[in-house]
């Protein structure tokens, strides 16, 4: 019995056709064919020819496990990225909270120092018989003012200036130029170009007498 073999290659598969025919079928143009598909991996070059490569010998469960491992790595990587973002946000919130607490403590301390300086300013206005006592008050006041300056506190004394409600607090009105500060009862202070305490002033009512 004669046999003839014909090989065809399609998209990574090798198809082998075997035709069987007797004496009567040898002249038949369409002999009966049995098709066998070889699913081994093949590499197809740019010209369309195919060469067999190393066959895939991995069991299906190994490929399944590899797929699961890949997915697990991806999920783990995403979770680590989320944790890093959450940690960064938590550290930022902690930093802001610490800064806020420090500023509150500093402001509380500076206010107490300002009260002391106010008392020293009042004491300087009192007529003192002893020169040494007066000089002592001036020395202490100078040191306190130096402490405030070191903490970026700037004194606001708007005597004779136009009343500004953004940095002044009008306590009363008195004869003088309308809308201008007649006298400063308590100086104000700004810290880092921000108002820390408004100046308490007396504003003129427009009566020049």
N, C-alpha and C. Protein backbone atom coordinates (compact mmCIF):
# COMPACT_ATOMS: atom_id res chain seq x y z
N UNK A 1 0.87 -1.19 0.00
CA UNK A 1 0.00 0.00 0.00
C UNK A 1 0.89 1.23 0.00
N UNK A 2 0.63 2.08 -0.94
CA UNK A 2 1.50 3.26 -1.09
C UNK A 2 1.07 4.35 -0.14
N UNK A 3 2.04 5.10 0.28
CA UNK A 3 1.77 6.23 1.18
C UNK A 3 2.43 7.47 0.59
N UNK A 4 1.79 8.59 0.81
CA UNK A 4 2.43 9.85 0.46
C UNK A 4 2.17 10.83 1.60
N UNK A 5 3.20 11.61 1.91
CA UNK A 5 3.18 12.50 3.08
C UNK A 5 3.31 13.95 2.60
N UNK A 6 2.50 14.81 3.14
CA UNK A 6 2.55 16.24 2.79
C UNK A 6 2.55 17.04 4.08
N UNK A 7 3.45 17.98 4.22
CA UNK A 7 3.60 18.77 5.46
C UNK A 7 3.21 20.22 5.21
N UNK A 8 2.35 20.76 6.08
CA UNK A 8 1.94 22.16 6.01
C UNK A 8 2.16 22.78 7.39
N UNK A 9 2.48 24.08 7.44
CA UNK A 9 2.73 24.79 8.70
C UNK A 9 1.82 26.01 8.75
N UNK A 10 1.09 26.12 9.87
CA UNK A 10 0.15 27.24 10.03
C UNK A 10 0.27 27.78 11.44
N UNK A 11 0.66 29.07 11.58
CA UNK A 11 0.59 29.82 12.85
C UNK A 11 1.12 29.03 14.02
N UNK A 12 2.31 28.53 13.95
CA UNK A 12 2.93 27.85 15.07
C UNK A 12 2.54 26.40 15.20
N UNK A 13 1.77 25.80 14.26
CA UNK A 13 1.38 24.40 14.30
C UNK A 13 1.87 23.70 13.04
N UNK A 14 2.24 22.48 13.22
CA UNK A 14 2.71 21.69 12.08
C UNK A 14 1.65 20.65 11.76
N UNK A 15 1.13 20.69 10.57
CA UNK A 15 0.05 19.79 10.16
C UNK A 15 0.62 18.77 9.19
N UNK A 16 0.44 17.53 9.50
CA UNK A 16 0.94 16.44 8.66
C UNK A 16 -0.26 15.71 8.09
N UNK A 17 -0.34 15.63 6.79
CA UNK A 17 -1.44 14.92 6.13
C UNK A 17 -0.90 13.63 5.53
N UNK A 18 -1.55 12.53 5.82
CA UNK A 18 -1.15 11.21 5.30
C UNK A 18 -2.28 10.69 4.43
N UNK A 19 -1.99 10.42 3.24
CA UNK A 19 -3.00 9.89 2.35
C UNK A 19 -2.80 8.40 2.11
N UNK A 20 -3.85 7.64 2.09
CA UNK A 20 -3.78 6.20 1.85
C UNK A 20 -4.60 5.90 0.58
N UNK A 21 -4.11 5.11 -0.26
CA UNK A 21 -4.87 4.77 -1.45
C UNK A 21 -4.41 3.47 -2.08
N UNK A 22 -5.35 2.74 -2.62
CA UNK A 22 -5.02 1.49 -3.29
C UNK A 22 -4.73 1.75 -4.74
N UNK A 23 -4.65 0.66 -5.50
CA UNK A 23 -4.36 0.82 -6.93
C UNK A 23 -5.39 1.64 -7.64
N UNK A 24 -6.65 1.50 -7.18
CA UNK A 24 -7.71 2.25 -7.85
C UNK A 24 -7.69 3.72 -7.44
N UNK A 25 -7.15 4.00 -6.26
CA UNK A 25 -7.20 5.37 -5.74
C UNK A 25 -5.97 6.17 -6.11
N UNK A 26 -4.98 5.50 -6.72
CA UNK A 26 -3.76 6.24 -7.02
C UNK A 26 -3.99 7.32 -8.05
N UNK A 27 -4.86 7.15 -8.89
CA UNK A 27 -5.14 8.17 -9.89
C UNK A 27 -6.16 9.19 -9.44
N UNK A 28 -6.72 9.00 -8.27
CA UNK A 28 -7.73 9.94 -7.75
C UNK A 28 -7.05 11.22 -7.30
N UNK A 29 -7.57 12.33 -7.72
CA UNK A 29 -6.99 13.63 -7.37
C UNK A 29 -7.27 14.01 -5.92
N UNK A 30 -8.28 13.53 -5.28
CA UNK A 30 -8.64 13.87 -3.89
C UNK A 30 -8.62 12.61 -3.03
N UNK A 31 -7.42 12.15 -2.67
CA UNK A 31 -7.36 10.93 -1.86
C UNK A 31 -7.83 11.21 -0.44
N UNK A 32 -8.21 10.16 0.27
CA UNK A 32 -8.62 10.30 1.67
C UNK A 32 -7.40 10.66 2.50
N UNK A 33 -7.59 11.66 3.42
CA UNK A 33 -6.47 12.17 4.21
C UNK A 33 -6.76 12.01 5.70
N UNK A 34 -5.71 11.76 6.45
CA UNK A 34 -5.76 11.75 7.92
C UNK A 34 -4.84 12.88 8.40
N UNK A 35 -5.38 13.83 9.14
CA UNK A 35 -4.63 15.01 9.58
C UNK A 35 -4.16 14.86 11.02
N UNK A 36 -2.90 15.09 11.27
CA UNK A 36 -2.30 15.07 12.61
C UNK A 36 -1.71 16.45 12.88
N UNK A 37 -2.07 17.06 14.01
CA UNK A 37 -1.58 18.39 14.36
C UNK A 37 -0.48 18.27 15.40
N UNK A 38 0.69 18.79 15.07
CA UNK A 38 1.82 18.80 16.00
C UNK A 38 1.83 20.17 16.69
N UNK A 39 1.54 20.21 18.00
CA UNK A 39 1.41 21.47 18.72
C UNK A 39 2.70 21.91 19.40
N UNK A 40 3.80 21.34 19.02
CA UNK A 40 5.07 21.81 19.56
C UNK A 40 5.33 23.24 19.10
N UNK A 41 6.07 23.98 19.96
CA UNK A 41 6.33 25.38 19.64
C UNK A 41 7.24 25.48 18.41
N UNK A 42 6.91 26.42 17.54
CA UNK A 42 7.71 26.66 16.37
C UNK A 42 7.96 28.15 16.27
N UNK A 43 9.09 28.52 15.67
CA UNK A 43 9.44 29.91 15.44
C UNK A 43 9.29 30.18 13.95
N UNK A 44 8.50 31.15 13.62
CA UNK A 44 8.26 31.50 12.23
C UNK A 44 9.06 32.76 11.93
N UNK A 45 9.95 32.68 10.94
CA UNK A 45 10.75 33.84 10.60
C UNK A 45 9.96 34.76 9.68
N UNK A 46 10.62 35.84 9.28
CA UNK A 46 9.92 36.82 8.46
C UNK A 46 9.52 36.30 7.10
N UNK A 47 10.14 35.21 6.64
CA UNK A 47 9.83 34.68 5.31
C UNK A 47 8.69 33.68 5.34
N UNK A 48 8.19 33.38 6.54
CA UNK A 48 7.07 32.46 6.62
C UNK A 48 7.46 31.04 6.89
N UNK A 49 8.78 30.73 6.87
CA UNK A 49 9.20 29.37 7.16
C UNK A 49 9.20 29.15 8.66
N UNK A 50 8.98 27.96 9.11
CA UNK A 50 8.88 27.64 10.54
C UNK A 50 9.92 26.61 10.90
N UNK A 51 10.56 26.82 12.04
CA UNK A 51 11.54 25.87 12.55
C UNK A 51 11.11 25.46 13.94
N UNK A 52 11.10 24.22 14.27
CA UNK A 52 10.65 23.78 15.60
C UNK A 52 11.61 24.26 16.68
N UNK A 53 11.04 24.74 17.80
CA UNK A 53 11.83 25.20 18.94
C UNK A 53 11.62 24.25 20.11
N UNK A 54 12.15 24.65 21.27
CA UNK A 54 12.05 23.78 22.45
C UNK A 54 10.59 23.60 22.84
N UNK A 55 10.12 22.41 23.00
CA UNK A 55 8.70 22.20 23.33
C UNK A 55 8.40 22.62 24.77
N UNK A 56 7.15 22.99 25.01
CA UNK A 56 6.69 23.38 26.34
C UNK A 56 6.41 22.11 27.14
N UNK A 57 7.32 21.81 28.08
CA UNK A 57 7.20 20.59 28.85
C UNK A 57 6.60 20.83 30.24
N UNK A 58 6.18 22.07 30.52
CA UNK A 58 5.62 22.36 31.84
C UNK A 58 4.22 21.80 31.96
N UNK A 59 3.93 21.17 33.09
CA UNK A 59 2.55 20.73 33.32
C UNK A 59 1.63 21.93 33.49
N UNK A 60 0.36 21.72 33.26
CA UNK A 60 -0.60 22.83 33.32
C UNK A 60 -0.69 23.42 34.72
N UNK A 61 -0.55 22.60 35.77
CA UNK A 61 -0.68 23.13 37.13
C UNK A 61 0.50 24.04 37.47
N UNK A 62 1.66 23.80 36.86
CA UNK A 62 2.82 24.68 37.09
C UNK A 62 2.55 26.06 36.49
N UNK A 63 2.01 26.08 35.29
CA UNK A 63 1.67 27.35 34.67
C UNK A 63 0.62 28.09 35.49
N UNK A 64 -0.33 27.37 36.05
CA UNK A 64 -1.36 27.97 36.90
C UNK A 64 -0.75 28.59 38.15
N UNK A 65 0.19 27.86 38.77
CA UNK A 65 0.86 28.38 39.95
C UNK A 65 1.69 29.63 39.62
N UNK A 66 2.37 29.60 38.47
CA UNK A 66 3.15 30.77 38.07
C UNK A 66 2.25 31.98 37.85
N UNK A 67 1.09 31.76 37.28
CA UNK A 67 0.14 32.86 37.08
C UNK A 67 -0.33 33.43 38.41
N UNK A 68 -0.61 32.52 39.36
CA UNK A 68 -1.04 32.99 40.68
C UNK A 68 0.06 33.77 41.39
N UNK A 69 1.30 33.30 41.27
CA UNK A 69 2.43 34.01 41.88
C UNK A 69 2.57 35.40 41.29
N UNK A 70 2.42 35.52 39.97
CA UNK A 70 2.53 36.82 39.32
C UNK A 70 1.45 37.78 39.82
N UNK A 71 0.22 37.27 39.94
CA UNK A 71 -0.88 38.11 40.43
C UNK A 71 -0.63 38.52 41.88
N UNK A 72 -0.11 37.58 42.69
CA UNK A 72 0.17 37.89 44.10
C UNK A 72 1.24 38.96 44.21
N UNK A 73 2.27 38.88 43.37
CA UNK A 73 3.32 39.90 43.39
C UNK A 73 2.76 41.26 43.02
N UNK A 74 1.86 41.30 42.05
CA UNK A 74 1.27 42.56 41.63
C UNK A 74 0.44 43.17 42.75
N UNK A 75 -0.39 42.32 43.41
CA UNK A 75 -1.22 42.81 44.53
C UNK A 75 -0.33 43.31 45.67
N UNK A 76 0.73 42.55 45.96
CA UNK A 76 1.65 42.94 47.04
C UNK A 76 2.33 44.28 46.73
N UNK A 77 2.74 44.46 45.48
CA UNK A 77 3.39 45.71 45.08
C UNK A 77 2.44 46.89 45.21
N UNK A 78 1.18 46.69 44.79
CA UNK A 78 0.20 47.77 44.92
C UNK A 78 -0.07 48.10 46.38
N UNK A 79 -0.13 47.08 47.23
CA UNK A 79 -0.38 47.32 48.65
C UNK A 79 0.78 48.07 49.30
N UNK A 80 2.00 47.70 48.94
CA UNK A 80 3.18 48.39 49.47
C UNK A 80 3.16 49.86 49.04
N UNK A 81 2.78 50.13 47.80
CA UNK A 81 2.70 51.50 47.32
C UNK A 81 1.66 52.30 48.10
N UNK A 82 0.51 51.68 48.38
CA UNK A 82 -0.53 52.35 49.17
C UNK A 82 -0.05 52.64 50.58
N UNK A 83 0.65 51.68 51.19
CA UNK A 83 1.17 51.89 52.54
C UNK A 83 2.20 53.01 52.58
N UNK A 84 3.03 53.09 51.57
CA UNK A 84 4.02 54.17 51.50
C UNK A 84 3.34 55.53 51.40
N UNK A 85 2.27 55.62 50.60
CA UNK A 85 1.54 56.89 50.49
C UNK A 85 0.88 57.25 51.81
N UNK A 86 0.26 56.26 52.48
CA UNK A 86 -0.38 56.53 53.76
C UNK A 86 0.63 56.96 54.81
N UNK A 87 1.80 56.33 54.80
CA UNK A 87 2.86 56.70 55.76
C UNK A 87 3.33 58.12 55.51
N UNK A 88 3.49 58.48 54.25
CA UNK A 88 3.92 59.84 53.92
C UNK A 88 2.90 60.87 54.38
N UNK A 89 1.61 60.57 54.19
CA UNK A 89 0.56 61.49 54.63
C UNK A 89 0.53 61.61 56.15
N UNK A 90 0.72 60.48 56.83
CA UNK A 90 0.72 60.49 58.30
C UNK A 90 1.88 61.32 58.84
N UNK A 91 3.05 61.18 58.23
CA UNK A 91 4.21 61.96 58.67
C UNK A 91 3.99 63.45 58.41
N UNK A 92 3.34 63.77 57.30
CA UNK A 92 3.06 65.17 56.99
C UNK A 92 2.08 65.76 58.00
N UNK A 93 1.04 64.98 58.35
CA UNK A 93 0.08 65.45 59.36
C UNK A 93 0.77 65.63 60.71
N UNK A 94 1.64 64.71 61.06
CA UNK A 94 2.37 64.81 62.33
C UNK A 94 3.27 66.04 62.34
N UNK A 95 3.94 66.31 61.24
CA UNK A 95 4.81 67.48 61.16
C UNK A 95 4.01 68.77 61.34
N UNK A 96 2.86 68.85 60.65
CA UNK A 96 2.03 70.05 60.77
C UNK A 96 1.49 70.21 62.19
N UNK A 97 1.13 69.10 62.81
CA UNK A 97 0.62 69.16 64.18
C UNK A 97 1.70 69.63 65.15
N UNK A 98 2.91 69.13 64.98
CA UNK A 98 4.02 69.56 65.85
C UNK A 98 4.33 71.04 65.65
N UNK A 99 4.32 71.49 64.40
CA UNK A 99 4.56 72.90 64.13
C UNK A 99 3.47 73.78 64.76
N UNK A 100 2.22 73.32 64.65
CA UNK A 100 1.12 74.09 65.23
C UNK A 100 1.26 74.18 66.76
N UNK A 101 1.60 73.06 67.39
CA UNK A 101 1.77 73.06 68.84
C UNK A 101 2.94 73.95 69.26
N UNK A 102 4.01 73.89 68.50
CA UNK A 102 5.16 74.74 68.83
C UNK A 102 4.80 76.21 68.70
N UNK A 103 4.07 76.56 67.64
CA UNK A 103 3.68 77.96 67.46
C UNK A 103 2.75 78.41 68.58
N UNK A 104 1.85 77.54 69.03
CA UNK A 104 0.95 77.90 70.13
C UNK A 104 1.73 78.12 71.42
N UNK A 105 2.68 77.25 71.70
CA UNK A 105 3.51 77.41 72.90
C UNK A 105 4.32 78.70 72.83
N UNK A 106 4.90 78.94 71.65
CA UNK A 106 5.71 80.14 71.48
C UNK A 106 4.86 81.39 71.64
N UNK A 107 3.65 81.39 71.05
CA UNK A 107 2.77 82.55 71.16
C UNK A 107 2.37 82.80 72.61
N UNK A 108 2.09 81.73 73.35
CA UNK A 108 1.73 81.88 74.75
C UNK A 108 2.87 82.49 75.56
N UNK A 109 4.10 82.04 75.29
CA UNK A 109 5.26 82.58 75.99
C UNK A 109 5.48 84.05 75.64
N UNK A 110 5.36 84.38 74.36
CA UNK A 110 5.59 85.76 73.95
C UNK A 110 4.55 86.71 74.53
N UNK A 111 3.33 86.25 74.67
CA UNK A 111 2.29 87.09 75.27
C UNK A 111 2.63 87.42 76.72
N UNK A 112 3.14 86.43 77.44
CA UNK A 112 3.54 86.68 78.83
C UNK A 112 4.69 87.68 78.88
N UNK A 113 5.61 87.56 77.94
CA UNK A 113 6.73 88.50 77.89
C UNK A 113 6.24 89.91 77.57
N UNK A 114 5.24 90.00 76.69
CA UNK A 114 4.69 91.31 76.34
C UNK A 114 4.04 91.97 77.55
N UNK A 115 3.36 91.18 78.37
CA UNK A 115 2.75 91.74 79.58
C UNK A 115 3.82 92.32 80.50
N UNK A 116 4.95 91.63 80.61
CA UNK A 116 6.05 92.13 81.44
C UNK A 116 6.61 93.42 80.85
N UNK A 117 6.75 93.46 79.53
CA UNK A 117 7.27 94.66 78.88
C UNK A 117 6.31 95.84 79.04
N UNK A 118 5.01 95.56 79.00
CA UNK A 118 4.03 96.63 79.22
C UNK A 118 4.20 97.24 80.61
N UNK A 119 4.41 96.38 81.61
CA UNK A 119 4.61 96.89 82.98
C UNK A 119 5.89 97.71 83.06
N UNK A 120 6.93 97.28 82.36
CA UNK A 120 8.17 98.05 82.37
C UNK A 120 8.00 99.40 81.69
N UNK A 121 7.20 99.43 80.63
CA UNK A 121 6.95 100.70 79.94
C UNK A 121 6.20 101.66 80.86
N UNK A 122 5.25 101.13 81.61
CA UNK A 122 4.53 102.00 82.56
C UNK A 122 5.46 102.50 83.65
N UNK A 123 6.36 101.63 84.09
CA UNK A 123 7.29 102.03 85.15
C UNK A 123 8.24 103.12 84.68
N UNK A 124 8.58 103.11 83.40
CA UNK A 124 9.49 104.12 82.87
C UNK A 124 8.85 105.50 82.85
N UNK A 125 7.51 105.53 82.80
CA UNK A 125 6.80 106.81 82.78
C UNK A 125 6.71 107.44 84.17
N UNK A 126 6.93 106.64 85.19
CA UNK A 126 6.88 107.16 86.56
C UNK A 126 8.18 107.91 86.86
N UNK A 127 8.03 109.07 87.50
CA UNK A 127 9.21 109.87 87.86
C UNK A 127 9.91 109.20 89.03
N UNK A 128 11.13 108.83 88.80
CA UNK A 128 11.92 108.16 89.84
C UNK A 128 13.01 109.09 90.33
N UNK A 129 13.17 109.11 91.64
CA UNK A 129 14.18 109.99 92.22
C UNK A 129 15.58 109.48 91.98
N UNK A 130 15.75 108.21 92.04
CA UNK A 130 17.09 107.64 91.89
C UNK A 130 17.35 107.31 90.41
N UNK A 131 18.44 107.81 89.92
CA UNK A 131 18.82 107.59 88.52
C UNK A 131 19.16 106.13 88.26
N UNK A 132 19.78 105.47 89.24
CA UNK A 132 20.17 104.07 89.06
C UNK A 132 18.95 103.17 88.90
N UNK A 133 17.87 103.49 89.63
CA UNK A 133 16.65 102.68 89.53
C UNK A 133 16.04 102.81 88.15
N UNK A 134 16.03 104.02 87.62
CA UNK A 134 15.47 104.25 86.29
C UNK A 134 16.30 103.53 85.23
N UNK A 135 17.61 103.64 85.37
CA UNK A 135 18.48 102.96 84.41
C UNK A 135 18.31 101.43 84.48
N UNK A 136 18.03 100.91 85.66
CA UNK A 136 17.78 99.47 85.81
C UNK A 136 16.54 99.03 85.05
N UNK A 137 15.46 99.85 85.13
CA UNK A 137 14.24 99.54 84.38
C UNK A 137 14.50 99.59 82.88
N UNK A 138 15.27 100.58 82.45
CA UNK A 138 15.57 100.70 81.02
C UNK A 138 16.40 99.51 80.52
N UNK A 139 17.33 99.04 81.37
CA UNK A 139 18.16 97.89 80.99
C UNK A 139 17.32 96.63 80.84
N UNK A 140 16.42 96.41 81.80
CA UNK A 140 15.55 95.21 81.72
C UNK A 140 14.64 95.29 80.50
N UNK A 141 14.06 96.46 80.26
CA UNK A 141 13.18 96.64 79.11
C UNK A 141 13.94 96.40 77.81
N UNK A 142 15.19 96.87 77.75
CA UNK A 142 15.99 96.66 76.55
C UNK A 142 16.27 95.18 76.29
N UNK A 143 16.50 94.43 77.34
CA UNK A 143 16.75 92.99 77.19
C UNK A 143 15.48 92.26 76.73
N UNK A 144 14.35 92.67 77.28
CA UNK A 144 13.09 92.04 76.87
C UNK A 144 12.80 92.35 75.40
N UNK A 145 13.03 93.58 75.00
CA UNK A 145 12.82 93.94 73.60
C UNK A 145 13.78 93.16 72.68
N UNK A 146 15.00 92.92 73.15
CA UNK A 146 15.94 92.12 72.37
C UNK A 146 15.47 90.67 72.23
N UNK A 147 14.88 90.15 73.30
CA UNK A 147 14.32 88.80 73.25
C UNK A 147 13.20 88.72 72.21
N UNK A 148 12.32 89.73 72.20
CA UNK A 148 11.22 89.74 71.25
C UNK A 148 11.73 89.87 69.81
N UNK A 149 12.76 90.69 69.63
CA UNK A 149 13.32 90.85 68.30
C UNK A 149 13.95 89.56 67.80
N UNK A 150 14.57 88.82 68.70
CA UNK A 150 15.16 87.54 68.32
C UNK A 150 14.10 86.56 67.84
N UNK A 151 12.87 86.69 68.34
CA UNK A 151 11.76 85.83 67.91
C UNK A 151 10.92 86.50 66.82
N UNK A 152 11.54 87.44 66.10
CA UNK A 152 10.94 88.07 64.91
C UNK A 152 9.68 88.86 65.26
N UNK A 153 9.67 89.47 66.43
CA UNK A 153 8.55 90.33 66.83
C UNK A 153 8.91 91.80 66.58
N UNK A 154 8.04 92.50 65.89
CA UNK A 154 8.28 93.90 65.56
C UNK A 154 7.23 94.76 66.25
N UNK A 155 7.69 95.84 66.86
CA UNK A 155 6.81 96.72 67.63
C UNK A 155 6.01 97.63 66.70
N UNK A 156 4.73 97.86 67.04
CA UNK A 156 3.86 98.74 66.26
C UNK A 156 3.45 99.91 67.15
N UNK A 157 3.94 101.10 66.81
CA UNK A 157 3.60 102.33 67.55
C UNK A 157 3.09 103.36 66.55
N UNK A 158 1.78 103.37 66.27
CA UNK A 158 1.23 104.22 65.20
C UNK A 158 0.83 105.62 65.68
N UNK A 159 1.60 106.22 66.52
CA UNK A 159 1.25 107.55 67.04
C UNK A 159 1.25 108.57 65.91
N UNK A 160 0.11 109.27 65.72
CA UNK A 160 -0.03 110.27 64.69
C UNK A 160 -0.38 109.71 63.32
N UNK A 161 -0.44 108.42 63.19
CA UNK A 161 -0.76 107.81 61.90
C UNK A 161 -2.28 107.68 61.73
N UNK A 162 -2.69 107.41 60.49
CA UNK A 162 -4.10 107.20 60.21
C UNK A 162 -4.54 105.86 60.81
N UNK A 163 -5.73 105.86 61.39
CA UNK A 163 -6.21 104.65 62.06
C UNK A 163 -6.39 103.51 61.05
N UNK A 164 -5.83 102.37 61.38
CA UNK A 164 -5.91 101.18 60.52
C UNK A 164 -6.52 100.04 61.34
N UNK A 165 -7.76 99.68 61.04
CA UNK A 165 -8.42 98.62 61.84
C UNK A 165 -7.76 97.25 61.69
N UNK A 166 -6.89 97.08 60.70
CA UNK A 166 -6.25 95.78 60.50
C UNK A 166 -5.16 95.52 61.54
N UNK A 167 -4.59 96.58 62.10
CA UNK A 167 -3.52 96.39 63.07
C UNK A 167 -3.71 97.24 64.33
N UNK A 168 -4.86 97.92 64.44
CA UNK A 168 -5.11 98.77 65.60
C UNK A 168 -6.48 98.47 66.20
N UNK A 169 -6.60 98.78 67.48
CA UNK A 169 -7.86 98.63 68.20
C UNK A 169 -8.18 99.96 68.88
N UNK A 170 -9.28 100.59 68.45
CA UNK A 170 -9.65 101.89 69.00
C UNK A 170 -10.32 101.70 70.36
N UNK A 171 -9.74 102.31 71.38
CA UNK A 171 -10.28 102.20 72.73
C UNK A 171 -11.25 103.34 73.01
N UNK A 172 -10.91 104.51 72.54
CA UNK A 172 -11.77 105.68 72.75
C UNK A 172 -11.44 106.73 71.72
N UNK A 173 -12.19 107.85 71.78
CA UNK A 173 -11.95 108.97 70.87
C UNK A 173 -11.67 110.21 71.70
N UNK A 174 -10.90 111.12 71.12
CA UNK A 174 -10.51 112.34 71.82
C UNK A 174 -10.32 113.45 70.80
N UNK A 175 -10.29 114.69 71.25
CA UNK A 175 -10.06 115.80 70.31
C UNK A 175 -8.76 115.60 69.55
N UNK A 176 -8.83 115.85 68.26
CA UNK A 176 -7.66 115.69 67.41
C UNK A 176 -8.06 115.49 65.97
N UNK A 177 -7.10 115.33 65.11
CA UNK A 177 -7.37 115.13 63.69
C UNK A 177 -8.26 113.90 63.50
N UNK A 178 -9.31 114.08 62.71
CA UNK A 178 -10.28 113.00 62.54
C UNK A 178 -9.65 111.79 61.85
N UNK A 179 -9.83 110.64 62.45
CA UNK A 179 -9.34 109.40 61.87
C UNK A 179 -7.87 109.13 62.11
N UNK A 180 -7.24 109.96 62.91
CA UNK A 180 -5.81 109.74 63.19
C UNK A 180 -5.61 109.39 64.66
N UNK A 181 -4.51 108.67 64.89
CA UNK A 181 -4.21 108.21 66.24
C UNK A 181 -3.70 109.39 67.07
N UNK A 182 -4.40 109.64 68.17
CA UNK A 182 -4.00 110.73 69.06
C UNK A 182 -2.94 110.25 70.05
N UNK A 183 -3.14 109.06 70.60
CA UNK A 183 -2.17 108.50 71.54
C UNK A 183 -2.23 106.98 71.50
N UNK A 184 -1.12 106.37 71.87
CA UNK A 184 -1.02 104.90 71.90
C UNK A 184 -1.04 104.44 73.35
N UNK A 185 -2.09 103.70 73.72
CA UNK A 185 -2.20 103.20 75.09
C UNK A 185 -1.37 101.94 75.29
N UNK A 186 -1.30 101.12 74.27
CA UNK A 186 -0.52 99.88 74.36
C UNK A 186 0.01 99.56 72.97
N UNK A 187 1.32 99.46 72.79
CA UNK A 187 1.87 99.18 71.45
C UNK A 187 1.47 97.79 70.98
N UNK A 188 1.39 97.66 69.68
CA UNK A 188 1.09 96.35 69.10
C UNK A 188 2.36 95.68 68.63
N UNK A 189 2.21 94.42 68.22
CA UNK A 189 3.38 93.66 67.76
C UNK A 189 2.96 92.77 66.58
N UNK A 190 3.88 92.61 65.65
CA UNK A 190 3.70 91.67 64.55
C UNK A 190 4.81 90.65 64.61
N UNK A 191 4.51 89.44 64.15
CA UNK A 191 5.50 88.36 64.17
C UNK A 191 5.53 87.70 62.80
N UNK A 192 6.71 87.69 62.21
CA UNK A 192 6.88 87.13 60.86
C UNK A 192 5.91 87.76 59.87
N UNK A 193 5.80 89.11 59.96
CA UNK A 193 4.93 89.90 59.08
C UNK A 193 3.46 89.57 59.26
N UNK A 194 3.08 88.96 60.37
CA UNK A 194 1.69 88.69 60.70
C UNK A 194 1.36 89.36 62.03
N UNK A 195 0.15 89.91 62.11
CA UNK A 195 -0.25 90.61 63.32
C UNK A 195 -0.29 89.65 64.50
N UNK A 196 0.44 90.00 65.54
CA UNK A 196 0.47 89.17 66.76
C UNK A 196 -0.41 89.78 67.85
N UNK A 197 -0.36 91.11 67.97
CA UNK A 197 -1.23 91.81 68.92
C UNK A 197 -1.50 93.20 68.38
N UNK A 198 -2.78 93.61 68.25
CA UNK A 198 -3.07 94.95 67.73
C UNK A 198 -2.70 96.03 68.73
N UNK A 199 -2.37 97.19 68.20
CA UNK A 199 -2.06 98.33 69.07
C UNK A 199 -3.36 98.95 69.57
N UNK A 200 -3.40 99.24 70.86
CA UNK A 200 -4.59 99.86 71.46
C UNK A 200 -4.37 101.37 71.47
N UNK A 201 -5.26 102.08 70.76
CA UNK A 201 -5.03 103.51 70.52
C UNK A 201 -6.28 104.33 70.82
N UNK A 202 -6.03 105.67 70.90
CA UNK A 202 -7.10 106.66 71.01
C UNK A 202 -7.14 107.42 69.68
N UNK A 203 -8.34 107.50 69.08
CA UNK A 203 -8.50 108.08 67.75
C UNK A 203 -9.13 109.47 67.85
N UNK A 204 -8.66 110.40 67.03
CA UNK A 204 -9.21 111.76 66.99
C UNK A 204 -10.61 111.81 66.42
N UNK A 205 -11.45 112.66 67.00
CA UNK A 205 -12.84 112.78 66.56
C UNK A 205 -13.07 113.95 65.63
N UNK A 206 -12.01 114.65 65.23
CA UNK A 206 -12.17 115.78 64.31
C UNK A 206 -12.26 117.11 65.01
N UNK A 207 -12.38 117.11 66.32
CA UNK A 207 -12.45 118.36 67.08
C UNK A 207 -11.02 118.81 67.41
N UNK A 208 -10.59 119.89 66.80
CA UNK A 208 -9.23 120.34 66.96
C UNK A 208 -9.02 121.11 68.26
N UNK A 209 -10.10 121.51 68.92
CA UNK A 209 -9.95 122.29 70.16
C UNK A 209 -9.46 121.42 71.29
